[in-house]
Amino acid sequence: MTPLVFVHGFMGGSAQWALQQDRLAASRELIAVDLPGFGENRDLPVINTIKGFADWVVAELDAKGIGTFNLMGHSMGGMIAQQIAHQVPDRIEKLVLYGTGPNGLLPGRFETIERSKIRAQQDGVRKTARRISATWFVDSTIAPEYPACAAIAEQSAAKALATGLDAMRDWSGMEFLKTVASETLVIWGDSDRTYQWSQPELLWRHIPNAHLAVVPGCAHAVHLEKPQIFNMLVEDFLRT
């Protein structure tokens, strides 16, 4: 079976996919990366462009001998996945773009990117990690998976906060959408405070072979808030 590659978002890490491991690993190999500056790779030199992150992910897959793969990107990782789909379209079998969009300026976000940069510099990694992670959940800090999510975010390197935000701000994937060759599933939680509806709508309406799944009662972390529904959607999409 074609392996599934997970690309996490800003202040994420490979550990955030723990609730997907059992269900999705039953039928295929799962490869969850830690982007430079985040998670287990917090000590690697940071990257400040979405293309730079995409190049790094492709190089990691090349080093593992992975040719064709399915690709899932969440949030900033969804931007990276769009960039990868543009750069190596012949290697991606199916594409999942989750809680993401093609506009790096993130219109309608709970706060502007520039505001996040200022607050991150003032507050430091731990406070920033806990504050931003809370916005991922409908139930904020009382959500059952919030503590684990925040702990992963706290692993981020301080410099990676600024460079990650810069990478998103300075990127746009609008020109790529109509050229996406892979069958694509767009997943969005209807209470997402990071990517407003206009973002996944652009993906769904402009990618030629795109399907849309809107999950009610979820914010930016559908895979943690309603993992059974999330896993079922992904498994069904990859299997059919």
Foldseek 3Di string as FASTA:
>chain_A
DAEEEEEEAALAFQVLLVLLCPLVVVVHHYHYGGFQQFFPNVPHDAAQALLVSLVVVVVVCVVVVHFAHAYEAAASRLCNQLNNCQVCVVRYAEYERENYFFALQQPQAPDGLVVLLVVCVVPDQLVSLLVVLQLQWPNRPVQPCSVVSSVRSSRGHSVNSNSSSNNSNPGGSLVRQQVRPHQYEYEAECAARRHHPVGSVSNQVRRPRYDYDYDYRGYRCCCRRPVVVVSVVVVVVVVD
